[in-house]
Amino acid sequence: VCANCQGKGGLRPHVVWFGEIPLHMDEIGEALDRCGLFMS
């Protein structure tokens, strides 16, 4: 049960599943546009 809304059956791990949009994409894009070094 969710402690915030008291709903049942909707709690899931805070992970991105296949087919979902990754998190922080706007912030990542801005950082890539201004970076001097990109390491993978």
Full PDB file with SEQRES, HELIX, SHEET, SSBOND, CRYST1, ORIGX, SCALE, CONECT and MASTER records, all heavy atoms in Angstrom:
SEQRES   1 A   40  VAL CYS ALA ASN CYS GLN GLY LYS GLY GLY LEU ARG PRO          
SEQRES   2 A   40  HIS VAL VAL TRP PHE GLY GLU ILE PRO LEU HIS MET ASP          
SEQRES   3 A   40  GLU ILE GLY GLU ALA LEU ASP ARG CYS GLY LEU PHE MET          
SEQRES   4 A   40  SER                                                          
HELIX    1 AA1 MET A   25  ARG A   34  1                                  10    
CRYST1    1.000    1.000    1.000  90.00  90.00  90.00 P 1           1          
ORIGX1      1.000000  0.000000  0.000000        0.00000                         
ORIGX2      0.000000  1.000000  0.000000        0.00000                         
ORIGX3      0.000000  0.000000  1.000000        0.00000                         
SCALE1      1.000000  0.000000  0.000000        0.00000                         
SCALE2      0.000000  1.000000  0.000000        0.00000                         
SCALE3      0.000000  0.000000  1.000000        0.00000                         
ATOM      1  N   VAL A   1       0.837  -1.198   0.000  1.00  0.00           N  
ATOM      2  CA  VAL A   1       0.000   0.000   0.000  1.00  0.00           C  
ATOM      3  C   VAL A   1       0.870   1.245   0.000  1.00  0.00           C  
ATOM      4  O   VAL A   1       1.833   1.349   0.770  1.00  0.00           O  
ATOM      5  CB  VAL A   1      -0.934   0.009   1.230  1.00  0.00           C  
ATOM      6  CG1 VAL A   1      -1.730   1.300   1.293  1.00  0.00           C  
ATOM      7  CG2 VAL A   1      -1.862  -1.201   1.194  1.00  0.00           C  
ATOM      8  N   CYS A   2       0.535   2.193  -0.847  1.00  0.00           N  
ATOM      9  CA  CYS A   2       1.271   3.457  -0.902  1.00  0.00           C  
ATOM     10  C   CYS A   2       0.972   4.287   0.336  1.00  0.00           C  
ATOM     11  O   CYS A   2      -0.196   4.529   0.668  1.00  0.00           O  
ATOM     12  CB  CYS A   2       0.878   4.224  -2.165  1.00  0.00           C  
ATOM     13  SG  CYS A   2       1.595   5.895  -2.262  1.00  0.00           S  
ATOM     14  N   ALA A   3       2.007   4.758   1.004  1.00  0.00           N  
ATOM     15  CA  ALA A   3       1.827   5.566   2.206  1.00  0.00           C  
ATOM     16  C   ALA A   3       1.254   6.940   1.893  1.00  0.00           C  
ATOM     17  O   ALA A   3       0.686   7.588   2.771  1.00  0.00           O  
ATOM     18  CB  ALA A   3       3.166   5.715   2.925  1.00  0.00           C  
ATOM     19  N   ASN A   4       1.358   7.377   0.636  1.00  0.00           N  
ATOM     20  CA  ASN A   4       0.866   8.697   0.278  1.00  0.00           C  
ATOM     21  C   ASN A   4      -0.614   8.685  -0.103  1.00  0.00           C  
ATOM     22  O   ASN A   4      -1.408   9.460   0.444  1.00  0.00           O  
ATOM     23  CB  ASN A   4       1.690   9.267  -0.879  1.00  0.00           C  
ATOM     24  CG  ASN A   4       1.259  10.666  -1.267  1.00  0.00           C  
ATOM     25  OD1 ASN A   4       1.318  11.597  -0.464  1.00  0.00           O  
ATOM     26  ND2 ASN A   4       0.819  10.830  -2.510  1.00  0.00           N  
ATOM     27  N   CYS A   5      -1.004   7.808  -1.027  1.00  0.00           N  
ATOM     28  CA  CYS A   5      -2.392   7.828  -1.516  1.00  0.00           C  
ATOM     29  C   CYS A   5      -3.226   6.654  -1.005  1.00  0.00           C  
ATOM     30  O   CYS A   5      -4.426   6.588  -1.289  1.00  0.00           O  
ATOM     31  CB  CYS A   5      -2.406   7.838  -3.039  1.00  0.00           C  
ATOM     32  SG  CYS A   5      -1.891   6.288  -3.811  1.00  0.00           S  
ATOM     33  N   GLN A   6      -2.568   5.741  -0.278  1.00  0.00           N  
ATOM     34  CA  GLN A   6      -3.239   4.560   0.272  1.00  0.00           C  
ATOM     35  C   GLN A   6      -3.708   3.580  -0.805  1.00  0.00           C  
ATOM     36  O   GLN A   6      -4.470   2.664  -0.536  1.00  0.00           O  
ATOM     37  CB  GLN A   6      -4.427   4.950   1.174  1.00  0.00           C  
ATOM     38  CG  GLN A   6      -4.082   5.933   2.284  1.00  0.00           C  
ATOM     39  CD  GLN A   6      -2.933   5.433   3.154  1.00  0.00           C  
ATOM     40  OE1 GLN A   6      -2.955   4.305   3.615  1.00  0.00           O  
ATOM     41  NE2 GLN A   6      -1.937   6.288   3.383  1.00  0.00           N  
ATOM     42  N   GLY A   7      -3.243   3.798  -2.043  1.00  0.00           N  
ATOM     43  CA  GLY A   7      -3.604   2.869  -3.107  1.00  0.00           C  
ATOM     44  C   GLY A   7      -2.850   1.566  -2.983  1.00  0.00           C  
ATOM     45  O   GLY A   7      -1.703   1.527  -2.533  1.00  0.00           O  
ATOM     46  N   LYS A   8      -3.472   0.483  -3.419  1.00  0.00           N  
ATOM     47  CA  LYS A   8      -2.850  -0.833  -3.345  1.00  0.00           C  
ATOM     48  C   LYS A   8      -2.569  -1.339  -4.759  1.00  0.00           C  
ATOM     49  O   LYS A   8      -3.343  -1.099  -5.683  1.00  0.00           O  
ATOM     50  CB  LYS A   8      -3.769  -1.820  -2.619  1.00  0.00           C  
ATOM     51  CG  LYS A   8      -3.143  -3.193  -2.394  1.00  0.00           C  
ATOM     52  CD  LYS A   8      -3.974  -4.051  -1.442  1.00  0.00           C  
ATOM     53  CE  LYS A   8      -5.254  -4.526  -2.104  1.00  0.00           C  
ATOM     54  NZ  LYS A   8      -5.975  -5.518  -1.257  1.00  0.00           N  
ATOM     55  N   GLY A   9      -1.452  -2.033  -4.903  1.00  0.00           N  
ATOM     56  CA  GLY A   9      -1.133  -2.668  -6.170  1.00  0.00           C  
ATOM     57  C   GLY A   9      -0.405  -1.796  -7.167  1.00  0.00           C  
ATOM     58  O   GLY A   9      -0.140  -2.243  -8.290  1.00  0.00           O  
ATOM     59  N   GLY A  10      -0.063  -0.570  -6.780  1.00  0.00           N  
ATOM     60  CA  GLY A  10       0.591   0.335  -7.726  1.00  0.00           C  
ATOM     61  C   GLY A  10       2.047   0.608  -7.417  1.00  0.00           C  
ATOM     62  O   GLY A  10       2.707   1.347  -8.151  1.00  0.00           O  
ATOM     63  N   LEU A  11       2.573   0.039  -6.341  1.00  0.00           N  
ATOM     64  CA  LEU A  11       3.966   0.292  -6.000  1.00  0.00           C  
ATOM     65  C   LEU A  11       4.888  -0.569  -6.864  1.00  0.00           C  
ATOM     66  O   LEU A  11       4.662  -1.764  -7.038  1.00  0.00           O  
ATOM     67  CB  LEU A  11       4.220   0.004  -4.526  1.00  0.00           C  
ATOM     68  CG  LEU A  11       3.581   0.985  -3.537  1.00  0.00           C  
ATOM     69  CD1 LEU A  11       3.929   0.581  -2.109  1.00  0.00           C  
ATOM     70  CD2 LEU A  11       4.037   2.413  -3.800  1.00  0.00           C  
ATOM     71  N   ARG A  12       5.924   0.054  -7.378  1.00  0.00           N  
ATOM     72  CA  ARG A  12       6.884  -0.625  -8.245  1.00  0.00           C  
ATOM     73  C   ARG A  12       8.276  -0.094  -7.931  1.00  0.00           C  
ATOM     74  O   ARG A  12       8.422   0.998  -7.360  1.00  0.00           O  
ATOM     75  CB  ARG A  12       6.557  -0.363  -9.715  1.00  0.00           C  
ATOM     76  CG  ARG A  12       6.476   1.112 -10.056  1.00  0.00           C  
ATOM     77  CD  ARG A  12       6.344   1.370 -11.542  1.00  0.00           C  
ATOM     78  NE  ARG A  12       7.633   1.263 -12.222  1.00  0.00           N  
ATOM     79  CZ  ARG A  12       7.804   1.512 -13.530  1.00  0.00           C  
ATOM     80  NH1 ARG A  12       6.778   1.864 -14.271  1.00  0.00           N  
ATOM     81  NH2 ARG A  12       8.991   1.403 -14.083  1.00  0.00           N  
ATOM     82  N   PRO A  13       9.315  -0.794  -8.307  1.00  0.00           N  
ATOM     83  CA  PRO A  13      10.660  -0.236  -8.126  1.00  0.00           C  
ATOM     84  C   PRO A  13      10.826   1.018  -8.968  1.00  0.00           C  
ATOM     85  O   PRO A  13      10.209   1.145 -10.043  1.00  0.00           O  
ATOM     86  CB  PRO A  13      11.581  -1.362  -8.595  1.00  0.00           C  
ATOM     87  CG  PRO A  13      10.731  -2.207  -9.488  1.00  0.00           C  
ATOM     88  CD  PRO A  13       9.352  -2.127  -8.920  1.00  0.00           C  
ATOM     89  N   HIS A  14      11.628   1.952  -8.503  1.00  0.00           N  
ATOM     90  CA  HIS A  14      11.860   3.191  -9.251  1.00  0.00           C  
ATOM     91  C   HIS A  14      12.937   2.929 -10.298  1.00  0.00           C  
ATOM     92  O   HIS A  14      14.085   3.374 -10.189  1.00  0.00           O  
ATOM     93  CB  HIS A  14      12.279   4.307  -8.299  1.00  0.00           C  
ATOM     94  CG  HIS A  14      12.469   5.634  -8.975  1.00  0.00           C  
ATOM     95  ND1 HIS A  14      11.543   6.186  -9.825  1.00  0.00           N  
ATOM     96  CD2 HIS A  14      13.513   6.521  -8.937  1.00  0.00           C  
ATOM     97  CE1 HIS A  14      11.977   7.349 -10.273  1.00  0.00           C  
ATOM     98  NE2 HIS A  14      13.176   7.571  -9.760  1.00  0.00           N  
ATOM     99  N   VAL A  15      12.555   2.155 -11.303  1.00  0.00           N  
ATOM    100  CA  VAL A  15      13.453   1.819 -12.401  1.00  0.00           C  
ATOM    101  C   VAL A  15      12.719   2.071 -13.717  1.00  0.00           C  
ATOM    102  O   VAL A  15      11.490   2.106 -13.755  1.00  0.00           O  
ATOM    103  CB  VAL A  15      13.923   0.352 -12.346  1.00  0.00           C  
ATOM    104  CG1 VAL A  15      14.701   0.087 -11.063  1.00  0.00           C  
ATOM    105  CG2 VAL A  15      12.750  -0.603 -12.475  1.00  0.00           C  
ATOM    106  N   VAL A  16      13.500   2.257 -14.762  1.00  0.00           N  
ATOM    107  CA  VAL A  16      12.939   2.456 -16.102  1.00  0.00           C  
ATOM    108  C   VAL A  16      12.897   1.104 -16.799  1.00  0.00           C  
ATOM    109  O   VAL A  16      13.930   0.467 -17.001  1.00  0.00           O  
ATOM    110  CB  VAL A  16      13.784   3.456 -16.902  1.00  0.00           C  
ATOM    111  CG1 VAL A  16      13.281   3.557 -18.341  1.00  0.00           C  
ATOM    112  CG2 VAL A  16      13.759   4.827 -16.237  1.00  0.00           C  
ATOM    113  N   TRP A  17      11.708   0.668 -17.160  1.00  0.00           N  
ATOM    114  CA  TRP A  17      11.564  -0.586 -17.882  1.00  0.00           C  
ATOM    115  C   TRP A  17      11.691  -0.357 -19.374  1.00  0.00           C  
ATOM    116  O   TRP A  17      11.598   0.776 -19.865  1.00  0.00           O  
ATOM    117  CB  TRP A  17      10.201  -1.213 -17.557  1.00  0.00           C  
ATOM    118  CG  TRP A  17      10.134  -1.795 -16.177  1.00  0.00           C  
ATOM    119  CD1 TRP A  17      11.141  -2.372 -15.474  1.00  0.00           C  
ATOM    120  CD2 TRP A  17       8.977  -1.854 -15.323  1.00  0.00           C  
ATOM    121  NE1 TRP A  17      10.698  -2.794 -14.243  1.00  0.00           N  
ATOM    122  CE2 TRP A  17       9.378  -2.486 -14.132  1.00  0.00           C  
ATOM    123  CE3 TRP A  17       7.649  -1.430 -15.457  1.00  0.00           C  
ATOM    124  CZ2 TRP A  17       8.501  -2.722 -13.080  1.00  0.00           C  
ATOM    125  CZ3 TRP A  17       6.773  -1.665 -14.407  1.00  0.00           C  
ATOM    126  CH2 TRP A  17       7.185  -2.307 -13.234  1.00  0.00           C  
ATOM    127  N   PHE A  18      11.928  -1.430 -20.112  1.00  0.00           N  
ATOM    128  CA  PHE A  18      12.024  -1.331 -21.564  1.00  0.00           C  
ATOM    129  C   PHE A  18      10.712  -0.758 -22.121  1.00  0.00           C  
ATOM    130  O   PHE A  18       9.628  -1.157 -21.720  1.00  0.00           O  
ATOM    131  CB  PHE A  18      12.311  -2.702 -22.170  1.00  0.00           C  
ATOM    132  CG  PHE A  18      13.729  -3.150 -21.967  1.00  0.00           C  
ATOM    133  CD1 PHE A  18      14.083  -3.872 -20.841  1.00  0.00           C  
ATOM    134  CD2 PHE A  18      14.715  -2.818 -22.880  1.00  0.00           C  
ATOM    135  CE1 PHE A  18      15.400  -4.271 -20.628  1.00  0.00           C  
ATOM    136  CE2 PHE A  18      16.032  -3.206 -22.679  1.00  0.00           C  
ATOM    137  CZ  PHE A  18      16.375  -3.934 -21.552  1.00  0.00           C  
ATOM    138  N   GLY A  19      10.859   0.200 -23.016  1.00  0.00           N  
ATOM    139  CA  GLY A  19       9.702   0.867 -23.588  1.00  0.00           C  
ATOM    140  C   GLY A  19       9.340   2.158 -22.881  1.00  0.00           C  
ATOM    141  O   GLY A  19       8.499   2.920 -23.373  1.00  0.00           O  
ATOM    142  N   GLU A  20       9.974   2.436 -21.730  1.00  0.00           N  
ATOM    143  CA  GLU A  20       9.728   3.677 -20.986  1.00  0.00           C  
ATOM    144  C   GLU A  20      10.832   4.693 -21.272  1.00  0.00           C  
ATOM    145  O   GLU A  20      11.951   4.327 -21.650  1.00  0.00           O  
ATOM    146  CB  GLU A  20       9.624   3.387 -19.488  1.00  0.00           C  
ATOM    147  CG  GLU A  20       8.461   2.479 -19.132  1.00  0.00           C  
ATOM    148  CD  GLU A  20       8.361   2.199 -17.641  1.00  0.00           C  
ATOM    149  OE1 GLU A  20       9.406   2.120 -16.968  1.00  0.00           O  
ATOM    150  OE2 GLU A  20       7.229   2.042 -17.155  1.00  0.00           O  
ATOM    151  N   ILE A  21      10.527   5.947 -21.063  1.00  0.00           N  
ATOM    152  CA  ILE A  21      11.480   7.022 -21.340  1.00  0.00           C  
ATOM    153  C   ILE A  21      12.450   7.156 -20.163  1.00  0.00           C  
ATOM    154  O   ILE A  21      12.025   7.262 -19.011  1.00  0.00           O  
ATOM    155  CB  ILE A  21      10.751   8.351 -21.568  1.00  0.00           C  
ATOM    156  CG1 ILE A  21       9.825   8.241 -22.775  1.00  0.00           C  
ATOM    157  CG2 ILE A  21      11.756   9.493 -21.771  1.00  0.00           C  
ATOM    158  CD1 ILE A  21       8.932   9.448 -22.984  1.00  0.00           C  
ATOM    159  N   PRO A  22      13.768   7.143 -20.435  1.00  0.00           N  
ATOM    160  CA  PRO A  22      14.741   7.335 -19.357  1.00  0.00           C  
ATOM    161  C   PRO A  22      14.544   8.668 -18.644  1.00  0.00           C  
ATOM    162  O   PRO A  22      13.939   9.603 -19.185  1.00  0.00           O  
ATOM    163  CB  PRO A  22      16.088   7.284 -20.086  1.00  0.00           C  
ATOM    164  CG  PRO A  22      15.815   6.464 -21.306  1.00  0.00           C  
ATOM    165  CD  PRO A  22      14.414   6.844 -21.721  1.00  0.00           C  
ATOM    166  N   LEU A  23      15.075   8.753 -17.454  1.00  0.00           N  
ATOM    167  CA  LEU A  23      14.940   9.936 -16.608  1.00  0.00           C  
ATOM    168  C   LEU A  23      16.028  10.970 -16.922  1.00  0.00           C  
ATOM    169  O   LEU A  23      17.085  10.642 -17.448  1.00  0.00           O  
ATOM    170  CB  LEU A  23      15.017   9.529 -15.139  1.00  0.00           C  
ATOM    171  CG  LEU A  23      14.093   8.390 -14.698  1.00  0.00           C  
ATOM    172  CD1 LEU A  23      14.377   8.010 -13.256  1.00  0.00           C  
ATOM    173  CD2 LEU A  23      12.636   8.790 -14.873  1.00  0.00           C  
ATOM    174  N   HIS A  24      15.753  12.221 -16.573  1.00  0.00           N  
ATOM    175  CA  HIS A  24      16.729  13.327 -16.612  1.00  0.00           C  
ATOM    176  C   HIS A  24      17.210  13.657 -18.025  1.00  0.00           C  
ATOM    177  O   HIS A  24      18.293  14.230 -18.189  1.00  0.00           O  
ATOM    178  CB  HIS A  24      17.951  13.016 -15.736  1.00  0.00           C  
ATOM    179  CG  HIS A  24      17.634  12.610 -14.336  1.00  0.00           C  
ATOM    180  ND1 HIS A  24      17.055  13.458 -13.427  1.00  0.00           N  
ATOM    181  CD2 HIS A  24      17.793  11.406 -13.703  1.00  0.00           C  
ATOM    182  CE1 HIS A  24      16.885  12.812 -12.281  1.00  0.00           C  
ATOM    183  NE2 HIS A  24      17.309  11.578 -12.427  1.00  0.00           N  
ATOM    184  N   MET A  25      16.449  13.328 -19.069  1.00  0.00           N  
ATOM    185  CA  MET A  25      16.961  13.491 -20.424  1.00  0.00           C  
ATOM    186  C   MET A  25      17.236  14.949 -20.790  1.00  0.00           C  
ATOM    187  O   MET A  25      18.217  15.238 -21.492  1.00  0.00           O  
ATOM    188  CB  MET A  25      15.995  12.859 -21.422  1.00  0.00           C  
ATOM    189  CG  MET A  25      15.958  11.331 -21.354  1.00  0.00           C  
ATOM    190  SD  MET A  25      17.611  10.580 -21.519  1.00  0.00           S  
ATOM    191  CE  MET A  25      18.079  11.140 -23.152  1.00  0.00           C  
ATOM    192  N   ASP A  26      16.419  15.881 -20.336  1.00  0.00           N  
ATOM    193  CA  ASP A  26      16.668  17.290 -20.647  1.00  0.00           C  
ATOM    194  C   ASP A  26      17.976  17.758 -20.011  1.00  0.00           C  
ATOM    195  O   ASP A  26      18.793  18.427 -20.660  1.00  0.00           O  
ATOM    196  CB  ASP A  26      15.516  18.163 -20.164  1.00  0.00           C  
ATOM    197  CG  ASP A  26      14.253  18.002 -21.010  1.00  0.00           C  
ATOM    198  OD1 ASP A  26      14.357  17.451 -22.117  1.00  0.00           O  
ATOM    199  OD2 ASP A  26      13.178  18.413 -20.549  1.00  0.00           O  
ATOM    200  N   GLU A  27      18.177  17.393 -18.755  1.00  0.00           N  
ATOM    201  CA  GLU A  27      19.391  17.794 -18.045  1.00  0.00           C  
ATOM    202  C   GLU A  27      20.629  17.152 -18.675  1.00  0.00           C  
ATOM    203  O   GLU A  27      21.681  17.791 -18.805  1.00  0.00           O  
ATOM    204  CB  GLU A  27      19.271  17.392 -16.567  1.00  0.00           C  
ATOM    205  CG  GLU A  27      20.336  17.968 -15.668  1.00  0.00           C  
ATOM    206  CD  GLU A  27      20.075  17.690 -14.202  1.00  0.00           C  
ATOM    207  OE1 GLU A  27      19.002  17.129 -13.875  1.00  0.00           O  
ATOM    208  OE2 GLU A  27      20.949  18.018 -13.378  1.00  0.00           O  
ATOM    209  N   ILE A  28      20.496  15.898 -19.073  1.00  0.00           N  
ATOM    210  CA  ILE A  28      21.614  15.204 -19.714  1.00  0.00           C  
ATOM    211  C   ILE A  28      21.951  15.862 -21.052  1.00  0.00           C  
ATOM    212  O   ILE A  28      23.120  16.104 -21.370  1.00  0.00           O  
ATOM    213  CB  ILE A  28      21.282  13.715 -19.924  1.00  0.00           C  
ATOM    214  CG1 ILE A  28      21.172  13.002 -18.571  1.00  0.00           C  
ATOM    215  CG2 ILE A  28      22.340  13.036 -20.792  1.00  0.00           C  
ATOM    216  CD1 ILE A  28      20.571  11.607 -18.648  1.00  0.00           C  
ATOM    217  N   GLY A  29      20.928  16.177 -21.829  1.00  0.00           N  
ATOM    218  CA  GLY A  29      21.155  16.805 -23.125  1.00  0.00           C  
ATOM    219  C   GLY A  29      21.867  18.137 -23.013  1.00  0.00           C  
ATOM    220  O   GLY A  29      22.784  18.434 -23.792  1.00  0.00           O  
ATOM    221  N   GLU A  30      21.479  18.931 -22.037  1.00  0.00           N  
ATOM    222  CA  GLU A  30      22.123  20.223 -21.836  1.00  0.00           C  
ATOM    223  C   GLU A  30      23.595  20.043 -21.442  1.00  0.00           C  
ATOM    224  O   GLU A  30      24.464  20.793 -21.895  1.00  0.00           O  
ATOM    225  CB  GLU A  30      21.378  21.004 -20.756  1.00  0.00           C  
ATOM    226  CG  GLU A  30      19.981  21.462 -21.189  1.00  0.00           C  
ATOM    227  CD  GLU A  30      19.185  22.051 -20.033  1.00  0.00           C  
ATOM    228  OE1 GLU A  30      19.733  22.103 -18.919  1.00  0.00           O  
ATOM    229  OE2 GLU A  30      18.021  22.436 -20.253  1.00  0.00           O  
ATOM    230  N   ALA A  31      23.866  19.053 -20.596  1.00  0.00           N  
ATOM    231  CA  ALA A  31      25.243  18.799 -20.170  1.00  0.00           C  
ATOM    232  C   ALA A  31      26.104  18.328 -21.343  1.00  0.00           C  
ATOM    233  O   ALA A  31      27.255  18.757 -21.497  1.00  0.00           O  
ATOM    234  CB  ALA A  31      25.254  17.760 -19.053  1.00  0.00           C  
ATOM    235  N   LEU A  32      25.562  17.474 -22.185  1.00  0.00           N  
ATOM    236  CA  LEU A  32      26.316  16.994 -23.347  1.00  0.00           C  
ATOM    237  C   LEU A  32      26.635  18.131 -24.309  1.00  0.00           C  
ATOM    238  O   LEU A  32      27.720  18.168 -24.906  1.00  0.00           O  
ATOM    239  CB  LEU A  32      25.514  15.905 -24.072  1.00  0.00           C  
ATOM    240  CG  LEU A  32      25.333  14.579 -23.329  1.00  0.00           C  
ATOM    241  CD1 LEU A  32      24.353  13.691 -24.082  1.00  0.00           C  
ATOM    242  CD2 LEU A  32      26.662  13.860 -23.134  1.00  0.00           C  
ATOM    243  N   ASP A  33      25.717  19.059 -24.459  1.00  0.00           N  
ATOM    244  CA  ASP A  33      25.921  20.171 -25.388  1.00  0.00           C  
ATOM    245  C   ASP A  33      27.030  21.110 -24.940  1.00  0.00           C  
ATOM    246  O   ASP A  33      27.632  21.809 -25.777  1.00  0.00           O  
ATOM    247  CB  ASP A  33      24.622  20.967 -25.560  1.00  0.00           C  
ATOM    248  CG  ASP A  33      23.597  20.242 -26.419  1.00  0.00           C  
ATOM    249  OD1 ASP A  33      23.995  19.322 -27.156  1.00  0.00           O  
ATOM    250  OD2 ASP A  33      22.399  20.598 -26.342  1.00  0.00           O  
ATOM    251  N   ARG A  34      27.321  21.148 -23.658  1.00  0.00           N  
ATOM    252  CA  ARG A  34      28.327  22.093 -23.174  1.00  0.00           C  
ATOM    253  C   ARG A  34      29.603  21.425 -22.675  1.00  0.00           C  
ATOM    254  O   ARG A  34      30.532  22.110 -22.241  1.00  0.00           O  
ATOM    255  CB  ARG A  34      27.736  22.955 -22.051  1.00  0.00           C  
ATOM    256  CG  ARG A  34      27.458  22.228 -20.747  1.00  0.00           C  
ATOM    257  CD  ARG A  34      27.007  23.206 -19.655  1.00  0.00           C  
ATOM    258  NE  ARG A  34      26.897  22.583 -18.341  1.00  0.00           N  
ATOM    259  CZ  ARG A  34      25.811  21.987 -17.880  1.00  0.00           C  
ATOM    260  NH1 ARG A  34      24.709  21.936 -18.614  1.00  0.00           N  
ATOM    261  NH2 ARG A  34      25.804  21.448 -16.667  1.00  0.00           N  
ATOM    262  N   CYS A  35      29.689  20.106 -22.741  1.00  0.00           N  
ATOM    263  CA  CYS A  35      30.838  19.446 -22.106  1.00  0.00           C  
ATOM    264  C   CYS A  35      32.097  19.573 -22.962  1.00  0.00           C  
ATOM    265  O   CYS A  35      32.044  19.602 -24.186  1.00  0.00           O  
ATOM    266  CB  CYS A  35      30.534  17.980 -21.802  1.00  0.00           C  
ATOM    267  SG  CYS A  35      30.542  16.868 -23.212  1.00  0.00           S  
ATOM    268  N   GLY A  36      33.225  19.640 -22.281  1.00  0.00           N  
ATOM    269  CA  GLY A  36      34.515  19.638 -22.953  1.00  0.00           C  
ATOM    270  C   GLY A  36      35.087  18.255 -23.093  1.00  0.00           C  
ATOM    271  O   GLY A  36      35.925  18.002 -23.952  1.00  0.00           O  
ATOM    272  N   LEU A  37      34.659  17.349 -22.226  1.00  0.00           N  
ATOM    273  CA  LEU A  37      35.115  15.963 -22.272  1.00  0.00           C  
ATOM    274  C   LEU A  37      33.938  15.045 -21.987  1.00  0.00           C  
ATOM    275  O   LEU A  37      33.218  15.230 -21.010  1.00  0.00           O  
ATOM    276  CB  LEU A  37      36.215  15.716 -21.232  1.00  0.00           C  
ATOM    277  CG  LEU A  37      36.680  14.255 -21.065  1.00  0.00           C  
ATOM    278  CD1 LEU A  37      37.344  13.755 -22.351  1.00  0.00           C  
ATOM    279  CD2 LEU A  37      37.634  14.133 -19.884  1.00  0.00           C  
ATOM    280  N   PHE A  38      33.764  14.044 -22.850  1.00  0.00           N  
ATOM    281  CA  PHE A  38      32.745  13.008 -22.650  1.00  0.00           C  
ATOM    282  C   PHE A  38      33.454  11.668 -22.523  1.00  0.00           C  
ATOM    283  O   PHE A  38      34.182  11.249 -23.416  1.00  0.00           O  
ATOM    284  CB  PHE A  38      31.763  12.976 -23.816  1.00  0.00           C  
ATOM    285  CG  PHE A  38      30.790  11.821 -23.752  1.00  0.00           C  
ATOM    286  CD1 PHE A  38      29.808  11.776 -22.775  1.00  0.00           C  
ATOM    287  CD2 PHE A  38      30.869  10.771 -24.661  1.00  0.00           C  
ATOM    288  CE1 PHE A  38      28.921  10.713 -22.696  1.00  0.00           C  
ATOM    289  CE2 PHE A  38      29.986   9.710 -24.606  1.00  0.00           C  
ATOM    290  CZ  PHE A  38      29.011   9.676 -23.624  1.00  0.00           C  
ATOM    291  N   MET A  39      33.233  11.015 -21.396  1.00  0.00           N  
ATOM    292  CA  MET A  39      33.834   9.709 -21.135  1.00  0.00           C  
ATOM    293  C   MET A  39      32.728   8.661 -21.054  1.00  0.00           C  
ATOM    294  O   MET A  39      31.721   8.867 -20.369  1.00  0.00           O  
ATOM    295  CB  MET A  39      34.607   9.731 -19.806  1.00  0.00           C  
ATOM    296  CG  MET A  39      35.730  10.735 -19.745  1.00  0.00           C  
ATOM    297  SD  MET A  39      36.297  11.041 -18.032  1.00  0.00           S  
ATOM    298  CE  MET A  39      36.826   9.395 -17.551  1.00  0.00           C  
ATOM    299  N   SER A  40      32.928   7.542 -21.733  1.00  0.00           N  
ATOM    300  CA  SER A  40      31.984   6.428 -21.680  1.00  0.00           C  
ATOM    301  C   SER A  40      32.693   5.242 -21.062  1.00  0.00           C  
ATOM    302  O   SER A  40      33.734   4.795 -21.562  1.00  0.00           O  
ATOM    303  CB  SER A  40      31.498   6.088 -23.086  1.00  0.00           C  
ATOM    304  OG  SER A  40      30.614   4.974 -23.063  1.00  0.00           O  
TER     305      SER A  40                                                      
MASTER        0    0    0    1    0    0    0    6  304    1    0    4          
END                                                                             
